[in-house]
Amino acid sequence: MEKKEYIKMLIPAFAIGIIIVILIVVMRNTEGPISVKTVLKYTPENICLAVAVLFLFFALKSLTVILPLSALYLASGILFSPFMALFVSTCGLAITLTIPYLIGYFSGKKVVQRIQEKYPKTQKIMEYQRENTFFACFITRIVGVLPGDIVSLYFGACNTRYDIYLIAGIAGSLLSIVTTTILGEKISHPFSIGFFVVLLCRVLVSAGSIFINYTLNKRKEEDF
């Protein structure tokens, strides 16, 4: 094995190792699943430190399914002013998208084959990708064809241009970021009109995702 290939294999292993260690520490000091309450528990009052800790949680989220993105968006909405919260949530998502992408990129194209074998739905992503790379990255974030970390690994291993992947990924998640983050900001007033309006928008976003997924699947069936 060449030295370059050896280093490329070590980088993802090292990243995963660090995240696993941090995750174990958090889990050992947490009763029950990781939630908004858990995130707030570990977040200091200092704004700069709070942002740093929240970014760390977004990094943890990139390789685990036990920490939902919605919990991080909600925590961001609770901790910061609306504009600051949206900025932190968007940057945090960029971190979540980037880490598995880089792991896939450094792991090589063998990862693509493994993902294709384990997740047959990858075929849909490949079909979108042949038509338009930006659309493929965008639509997979809206409809949730596969778990987000698997999608990121796939695009990284395919050597998809990082700027296209990141911009499209954030664009596809933007409605969820805005509605969930603002919901966190309104959660302290659960009976206010603002809370119900944002909650309704969040439900509509979820319903819209389901509808788009259904429409795309139906169109594919008609093509065949």
C-alpha atoms as a PDB file:
ATOM      1  CA  MET A   1       0.000   0.000   0.000  1.00  0.00           C
ATOM      2  CA  GLU A   2       1.362   3.411  -0.979  1.00  0.00           C
ATOM      3  CA  LYS A   3       2.034   6.000   1.701  1.00  0.00           C
ATOM      4  CA  LYS A   4      -0.565   8.413   0.235  1.00  0.00           C
ATOM      5  CA  GLU A   5      -3.294   5.784   0.309  1.00  0.00           C
ATOM      6  CA  TYR A   6      -2.334   4.821   3.864  1.00  0.00           C
ATOM      7  CA  ILE A   7      -2.635   8.436   5.037  1.00  0.00           C
ATOM      8  CA  LYS A   8      -5.968   8.814   3.232  1.00  0.00           C
ATOM      9  CA  MET A   9      -7.274   5.788   5.154  1.00  0.00           C
ATOM     10  CA  LEU A  10      -5.979   7.110   8.477  1.00  0.00           C
ATOM     11  CA  ILE A  11      -7.699  10.518   8.199  1.00  0.00           C
ATOM     12  CA  PRO A  12     -11.306   9.209   8.286  1.00  0.00           C
ATOM     13  CA  ALA A  13     -10.409   6.654  10.975  1.00  0.00           C
ATOM     14  CA  PHE A  14      -8.869   9.399  13.129  1.00  0.00           C
ATOM     15  CA  ALA A  15     -11.902  11.694  12.671  1.00  0.00           C
ATOM     16  CA  ILE A  16     -14.350   8.929  13.531  1.00  0.00           C
ATOM     17  CA  GLY A  17     -12.261   7.975  16.579  1.00  0.00           C
ATOM     18  CA  ILE A  18     -12.342  11.519  17.999  1.00  0.00           C
ATOM     19  CA  ILE A  19     -16.097  11.849  17.467  1.00  0.00           C
ATOM     20  CA  ILE A  20     -16.764   8.455  19.079  1.00  0.00           C
ATOM     21  CA  VAL A  21     -14.712   9.393  22.171  1.00  0.00           C
ATOM     22  CA  ILE A  22     -16.600  12.706  22.583  1.00  0.00           C
ATOM     23  CA  LEU A  23     -19.921  10.946  22.022  1.00  0.00           C
ATOM     24  CA  ILE A  24     -19.135   8.340  24.700  1.00  0.00           C
ATOM     25  CA  VAL A  25     -18.282  11.082  27.199  1.00  0.00           C
ATOM     26  CA  VAL A  26     -21.559  12.889  26.476  1.00  0.00           C
ATOM     27  CA  MET A  27     -23.611   9.674  26.643  1.00  0.00           C
ATOM     28  CA  ARG A  28     -22.073   8.602  29.965  1.00  0.00           C
ATOM     29  CA  ASN A  29     -23.138  11.873  31.549  1.00  0.00           C
ATOM     30  CA  THR A  30     -26.614  11.878  30.013  1.00  0.00           C
ATOM     31  CA  GLU A  31     -29.709  10.066  31.186  1.00  0.00           C
ATOM     32  CA  GLY A  32     -31.753   8.868  28.229  1.00  0.00           C
ATOM     33  CA  PRO A  33     -31.315   9.882  24.568  1.00  0.00           C
ATOM     34  CA  ILE A  34     -29.521  13.065  23.540  1.00  0.00           C
ATOM     35  CA  SER A  35     -32.091  15.839  23.252  1.00  0.00           C
ATOM     36  CA  VAL A  36     -32.468  19.630  23.274  1.00  0.00           C
ATOM     37  CA  LYS A  37     -32.161  19.452  27.059  1.00  0.00           C
ATOM     38  CA  THR A  38     -28.829  17.639  26.733  1.00  0.00           C
ATOM     39  CA  VAL A  39     -27.459  20.222  24.320  1.00  0.00           C
ATOM     40  CA  LEU A  40     -28.519  23.097  26.583  1.00  0.00           C
ATOM     41  CA  LYS A  41     -26.978  21.342  29.589  1.00  0.00           C
ATOM     42  CA  TYR A  42     -23.519  21.378  27.989  1.00  0.00           C
ATOM     43  CA  THR A  43     -23.809  24.900  26.559  1.00  0.00           C
ATOM     44  CA  PRO A  44     -22.090  27.668  28.596  1.00  0.00           C
ATOM     45  CA  GLU A  45     -23.529  31.161  29.040  1.00  0.00           C
ATOM     46  CA  ASN A  46     -20.688  32.861  27.159  1.00  0.00           C
ATOM     47  CA  ILE A  47     -21.928  33.404  23.587  1.00  0.00           C
ATOM     48  CA  CYS A  48     -18.642  32.526  21.864  1.00  0.00           C
ATOM     49  CA  LEU A  49     -18.249  29.337  23.905  1.00  0.00           C
ATOM     50  CA  ALA A  50     -21.913  28.483  23.369  1.00  0.00           C
ATOM     51  CA  VAL A  51     -21.436  28.744  19.594  1.00  0.00           C
ATOM     52  CA  ALA A  52     -18.295  26.580  19.786  1.00  0.00           C
ATOM     53  CA  VAL A  53     -20.071  23.892  21.835  1.00  0.00           C
ATOM     54  CA  LEU A  54     -23.066  23.897  19.497  1.00  0.00           C
ATOM     55  CA  PHE A  55     -20.734  23.510  16.514  1.00  0.00           C
ATOM     56  CA  LEU A  56     -19.183  20.536  18.308  1.00  0.00           C
ATOM     57  CA  PHE A  57     -22.629  18.965  18.612  1.00  0.00           C
ATOM     58  CA  PHE A  58     -23.199  19.544  14.888  1.00  0.00           C
ATOM     59  CA  ALA A  59     -19.889  17.737  14.274  1.00  0.00           C
ATOM     60  CA  LEU A  60     -21.081  14.838  16.457  1.00  0.00           C
ATOM     61  CA  LYS A  61     -24.347  14.746  14.528  1.00  0.00           C
ATOM     62  CA  SER A  62     -22.461  14.253  11.264  1.00  0.00           C
ATOM     63  CA  LEU A  63     -21.682  10.631  12.152  1.00  0.00           C
ATOM     64  CA  THR A  64     -24.495   9.549  14.428  1.00  0.00           C
ATOM     65  CA  VAL A  65     -28.254   9.097  14.096  1.00  0.00           C
ATOM     66  CA  ILE A  66     -28.946   9.393  17.840  1.00  0.00           C
ATOM     67  CA  LEU A  67     -28.651  13.186  17.738  1.00  0.00           C
ATOM     68  CA  PRO A  68     -31.366  14.750  15.530  1.00  0.00           C
ATOM     69  CA  LEU A  69     -30.595  17.942  13.627  1.00  0.00           C
ATOM     70  CA  SER A  70     -33.940  19.358  14.738  1.00  0.00           C
ATOM     71  CA  ALA A  71     -32.739  19.269  18.367  1.00  0.00           C
ATOM     72  CA  LEU A  72     -29.717  21.367  17.439  1.00  0.00           C
ATOM     73  CA  TYR A  73     -31.805  23.865  15.462  1.00  0.00           C
ATOM     74  CA  LEU A  74     -34.219  24.185  18.384  1.00  0.00           C
ATOM     75  CA  ALA A  75     -31.350  24.659  20.852  1.00  0.00           C
ATOM     76  CA  SER A  76     -29.891  27.352  18.607  1.00  0.00           C
ATOM     77  CA  GLY A  77     -33.262  29.133  18.541  1.00  0.00           C
ATOM     78  CA  ILE A  78     -33.501  28.999  22.328  1.00  0.00           C
ATOM     79  CA  LEU A  79     -29.940  30.204  22.963  1.00  0.00           C
ATOM     80  CA  PHE A  80     -29.548  33.055  20.490  1.00  0.00           C
ATOM     81  CA  SER A  81     -31.413  35.950  18.895  1.00  0.00           C
ATOM     82  CA  PRO A  82     -33.307  34.992  15.677  1.00  0.00           C
ATOM     83  CA  PHE A  83     -30.654  36.283  13.241  1.00  0.00           C
ATOM     84  CA  MET A  84     -27.769  34.816  15.252  1.00  0.00           C
ATOM     85  CA  ALA A  85     -29.633  31.520  15.670  1.00  0.00           C
ATOM     86  CA  LEU A  86     -30.207  31.160  11.913  1.00  0.00           C
ATOM     87  CA  PHE A  87     -26.533  31.946  11.252  1.00  0.00           C
ATOM     88  CA  VAL A  88     -25.362  29.364  13.817  1.00  0.00           C
ATOM     89  CA  SER A  89     -27.802  26.721  12.535  1.00  0.00           C
ATOM     90  CA  THR A  90     -26.704  27.252   8.922  1.00  0.00           C
ATOM     91  CA  CYS A  91     -22.986  27.135   9.778  1.00  0.00           C
ATOM     92  CA  GLY A  92     -23.640  24.108  11.973  1.00  0.00           C
ATOM     93  CA  LEU A  93     -25.341  22.307   9.098  1.00  0.00           C
ATOM     94  CA  ALA A  94     -22.332  23.130   6.907  1.00  0.00           C
ATOM     95  CA  ILE A  95     -20.164  21.310   9.486  1.00  0.00           C
ATOM     96  CA  THR A  96     -22.561  18.356   9.547  1.00  0.00           C
ATOM     97  CA  LEU A  97     -22.453  18.127   5.757  1.00  0.00           C
ATOM     98  CA  THR A  98     -18.696  18.582   5.482  1.00  0.00           C
ATOM     99  CA  ILE A  99     -17.286  15.938   7.853  1.00  0.00           C
ATOM    100  CA  PRO A 100     -18.823  12.816   6.242  1.00  0.00           C
ATOM    101  CA  TYR A 101     -18.200  14.342   2.798  1.00  0.00           C
ATOM    102  CA  LEU A 102     -14.465  14.583   3.583  1.00  0.00           C
ATOM    103  CA  ILE A 103     -14.424  11.070   5.021  1.00  0.00           C
ATOM    104  CA  GLY A 104     -15.998   9.771   1.813  1.00  0.00           C
ATOM    105  CA  TYR A 105     -13.598  11.841  -0.284  1.00  0.00           C
ATOM    106  CA  PHE A 106     -10.521  10.474   1.475  1.00  0.00           C
ATOM    107  CA  SER A 107     -11.875   6.914   1.645  1.00  0.00           C
ATOM    108  CA  GLY A 108     -12.117   6.616  -2.132  1.00  0.00           C
ATOM    109  CA  LYS A 109     -14.563   5.152  -4.632  1.00  0.00           C
ATOM    110  CA  LYS A 110     -14.757   1.791  -2.876  1.00  0.00           C
ATOM    111  CA  VAL A 111     -17.139   3.477  -0.447  1.00  0.00           C
ATOM    112  CA  VAL A 112     -19.530   4.149  -3.356  1.00  0.00           C
ATOM    113  CA  GLN A 113     -19.700   0.435  -4.141  1.00  0.00           C
ATOM    114  CA  ARG A 114     -20.363  -0.451  -0.488  1.00  0.00           C
ATOM    115  CA  ILE A 115     -23.090   2.171  -0.199  1.00  0.00           C
ATOM    116  CA  GLN A 116     -24.705   0.964  -3.433  1.00  0.00           C
ATOM    117  CA  GLU A 117     -24.697  -2.624  -2.150  1.00  0.00           C
ATOM    118  CA  LYS A 118     -26.143  -1.724   1.256  1.00  0.00           C
ATOM    119  CA  TYR A 119     -28.557   0.985   0.119  1.00  0.00           C
ATOM    120  CA  PRO A 120     -30.290   0.190  -3.215  1.00  0.00           C
ATOM    121  CA  LYS A 121     -31.986   3.606  -3.074  1.00  0.00           C
ATOM    122  CA  THR A 122     -28.626   5.064  -4.069  1.00  0.00           C
ATOM    123  CA  GLN A 123     -29.744   4.284  -7.614  1.00  0.00           C
ATOM    124  CA  LYS A 124     -32.131   7.253  -7.377  1.00  0.00           C
ATOM    125  CA  ILE A 125     -29.298   9.583  -6.426  1.00  0.00           C
ATOM    126  CA  MET A 126     -27.248   8.320  -9.373  1.00  0.00           C
ATOM    127  CA  GLU A 127     -30.160   9.013 -11.741  1.00  0.00           C
ATOM    128  CA  TYR A 128     -30.527  12.571 -10.416  1.00  0.00           C
ATOM    129  CA  GLN A 129     -26.749  13.012 -10.607  1.00  0.00           C
ATOM    130  CA  ARG A 130     -26.621  12.056 -14.282  1.00  0.00           C
ATOM    131  CA  GLU A 131     -29.160  14.775 -15.046  1.00  0.00           C
ATOM    132  CA  ASN A 132     -27.831  17.538 -12.779  1.00  0.00           C
ATOM    133  CA  THR A 133     -25.353  17.349  -9.877  1.00  0.00           C
ATOM    134  CA  PHE A 134     -26.726  20.430  -8.121  1.00  0.00           C
ATOM    135  CA  PHE A 135     -30.275  19.048  -8.287  1.00  0.00           C
ATOM    136  CA  ALA A 136     -29.091  15.673  -6.948  1.00  0.00           C
ATOM    137  CA  CYS A 137     -27.465  17.293  -3.903  1.00  0.00           C
ATOM    138  CA  PHE A 138     -30.464  19.586  -3.446  1.00  0.00           C
ATOM    139  CA  ILE A 139     -33.287  17.062  -3.736  1.00  0.00           C
ATOM    140  CA  THR A 140     -31.684  14.446  -1.469  1.00  0.00           C
ATOM    141  CA  ARG A 141     -31.796  16.978   1.373  1.00  0.00           C
ATOM    142  CA  ILE A 142     -35.463  17.768   0.780  1.00  0.00           C
ATOM    143  CA  VAL A 143     -36.913  14.281   0.394  1.00  0.00           C
ATOM    144  CA  GLY A 144     -34.520  12.301   2.606  1.00  0.00           C
ATOM    145  CA  VAL A 145     -33.880   9.450   0.172  1.00  0.00           C
ATOM    146  CA  LEU A 146     -31.195   8.111   2.528  1.00  0.00           C
ATOM    147  CA  PRO A 147     -29.766   9.110   5.945  1.00  0.00           C
ATOM    148  CA  GLY A 148     -27.907  12.422   5.616  1.00  0.00           C
ATOM    149  CA  ASP A 149     -24.496  11.042   6.614  1.00  0.00           C
ATOM    150  CA  ILE A 150     -24.730   8.271   3.994  1.00  0.00           C
ATOM    151  CA  VAL A 151     -25.639  10.815   1.312  1.00  0.00           C
ATOM    152  CA  SER A 152     -22.652  12.966   2.311  1.00  0.00           C
ATOM    153  CA  LEU A 153     -20.291   9.971   2.256  1.00  0.00           C
ATOM    154  CA  TYR A 154     -21.592   9.075  -1.197  1.00  0.00           C
ATOM    155  CA  PHE A 155     -21.079  12.528  -2.709  1.00  0.00           C
ATOM    156  CA  GLY A 156     -17.630  12.791  -1.140  1.00  0.00           C
ATOM    157  CA  ALA A 157     -16.578   9.391  -2.475  1.00  0.00           C
ATOM    158  CA  CYS A 158     -17.893  10.412  -5.935  1.00  0.00           C
ATOM    159  CA  ASN A 159     -15.581  13.449  -5.850  1.00  0.00           C
ATOM    160  CA  THR A 160     -18.555  15.766  -6.283  1.00  0.00           C
ATOM    161  CA  ARG A 161     -17.440  19.400  -6.332  1.00  0.00           C
ATOM    162  CA  TYR A 162     -17.533  20.568  -2.726  1.00  0.00           C
ATOM    163  CA  ASP A 163     -18.945  24.034  -3.446  1.00  0.00           C
ATOM    164  CA  ILE A 164     -21.855  22.610  -5.477  1.00  0.00           C
ATOM    165  CA  TYR A 165     -22.510  19.923  -2.864  1.00  0.00           C
ATOM    166  CA  LEU A 166     -22.459  22.349   0.079  1.00  0.00           C
ATOM    167  CA  ILE A 167     -24.537  25.139  -1.481  1.00  0.00           C
ATOM    168  CA  ALA A 168     -27.139  22.690  -2.815  1.00  0.00           C
ATOM    169  CA  GLY A 169     -27.254  20.804   0.492  1.00  0.00           C
ATOM    170  CA  ILE A 170     -27.845  23.969   2.518  1.00  0.00           C
ATOM    171  CA  ALA A 171     -30.404  25.229  -0.019  1.00  0.00           C
ATOM    172  CA  GLY A 172     -32.308  21.949   0.224  1.00  0.00           C
ATOM    173  CA  SER A 173     -32.342  22.175   4.027  1.00  0.00           C
ATOM    174  CA  LEU A 174     -33.039  25.900   4.285  1.00  0.00           C
ATOM    175  CA  LEU A 175     -36.781  25.682   4.975  1.00  0.00           C
ATOM    176  CA  SER A 176     -36.182  23.156   7.759  1.00  0.00           C
ATOM    177  CA  ILE A 177     -33.404  25.303   9.230  1.00  0.00           C
ATOM    178  CA  VAL A 178     -35.550  28.447   9.291  1.00  0.00           C
ATOM    179  CA  THR A 179     -38.789  26.904  10.579  1.00  0.00           C
ATOM    180  CA  THR A 180     -37.187  24.699  13.258  1.00  0.00           C
ATOM    181  CA  THR A 181     -34.751  27.349  14.491  1.00  0.00           C
ATOM    182  CA  ILE A 182     -37.470  30.000  14.788  1.00  0.00           C
ATOM    183  CA  LEU A 183     -39.678  27.396  16.500  1.00  0.00           C
ATOM    184  CA  GLY A 184     -36.964  27.136  19.165  1.00  0.00           C
ATOM    185  CA  GLU A 185     -37.025  30.910  19.601  1.00  0.00           C
ATOM    186  CA  LYS A 186     -40.843  30.840  20.026  1.00  0.00           C
ATOM    187  CA  ILE A 187     -40.947  27.750  22.253  1.00  0.00           C
ATOM    188  CA  SER A 188     -40.859  29.819  25.451  1.00  0.00           C
ATOM    189  CA  HIS A 189     -44.314  31.129  24.422  1.00  0.00           C
ATOM    190  CA  PRO A 190     -46.094  27.916  23.350  1.00  0.00           C
ATOM    191  CA  PHE A 191     -49.559  29.499  23.314  1.00  0.00           C
ATOM    192  CA  SER A 192     -48.658  32.562  21.280  1.00  0.00           C
ATOM    193  CA  ILE A 193     -49.876  33.124  17.709  1.00  0.00           C
ATOM    194  CA  GLY A 194     -46.244  33.297  16.518  1.00  0.00           C
ATOM    195  CA  PHE A 195     -45.543  29.809  17.892  1.00  0.00           C
ATOM    196  CA  PHE A 196     -48.552  28.273  16.141  1.00  0.00           C
ATOM    197  CA  VAL A 197     -47.710  30.018  12.853  1.00  0.00           C
ATOM    198  CA  VAL A 198     -44.130  28.699  12.914  1.00  0.00           C
ATOM    199  CA  LEU A 199     -45.303  25.240  13.986  1.00  0.00           C
ATOM    200  CA  LEU A 200     -47.751  25.188  11.069  1.00  0.00           C
ATOM    201  CA  CYS A 201     -44.951  26.196   8.676  1.00  0.00           C
ATOM    202  CA  ARG A 202     -42.797  23.367  10.055  1.00  0.00           C
ATOM    203  CA  VAL A 203     -45.606  20.850   9.477  1.00  0.00           C
ATOM    204  CA  LEU A 204     -46.120  22.170   5.928  1.00  0.00           C
ATOM    205  CA  VAL A 205     -42.397  21.771   5.203  1.00  0.00           C
ATOM    206  CA  SER A 206     -42.556  18.119   6.318  1.00  0.00           C
ATOM    207  CA  ALA A 207     -45.731  17.511   4.317  1.00  0.00           C
ATOM    208  CA  GLY A 208     -44.158  19.179   1.276  1.00  0.00           C
ATOM    209  CA  SER A 209     -41.130  16.883   1.528  1.00  0.00           C
ATOM    210  CA  ILE A 210     -43.378  13.814   1.575  1.00  0.00           C
ATOM    211  CA  PHE A 211     -45.355  15.099  -1.411  1.00  0.00           C
ATOM    212  CA  ILE A 212     -42.208  15.840  -3.456  1.00  0.00           C
ATOM    213  CA  ASN A 213     -40.841  12.389  -2.671  1.00  0.00           C
ATOM    214  CA  TYR A 214     -44.126  10.775  -3.744  1.00  0.00           C
ATOM    215  CA  THR A 215     -44.260  12.808  -6.964  1.00  0.00           C
ATOM    216  CA  LEU A 216     -40.679  11.964  -7.941  1.00  0.00           C
ATOM    217  CA  ASN A 217     -41.218   8.247  -7.249  1.00  0.00           C
ATOM    218  CA  LYS A 218     -44.416   8.245  -9.319  1.00  0.00           C
ATOM    219  CA  ARG A 219     -42.672   9.999 -12.206  1.00  0.00           C
ATOM    220  CA  LYS A 220     -39.876   7.433 -12.168  1.00  0.00           C
ATOM    221  CA  GLU A 221     -42.417   4.577 -12.262  1.00  0.00           C
ATOM    222  CA  GLU A 222     -44.180   6.168 -15.250  1.00  0.00           C
ATOM    223  CA  ASP A 223     -40.847   6.521 -17.088  1.00  0.00           C
ATOM    224  CA  PHE A 224     -40.318   2.806 -16.743  1.00  0.00           C
END
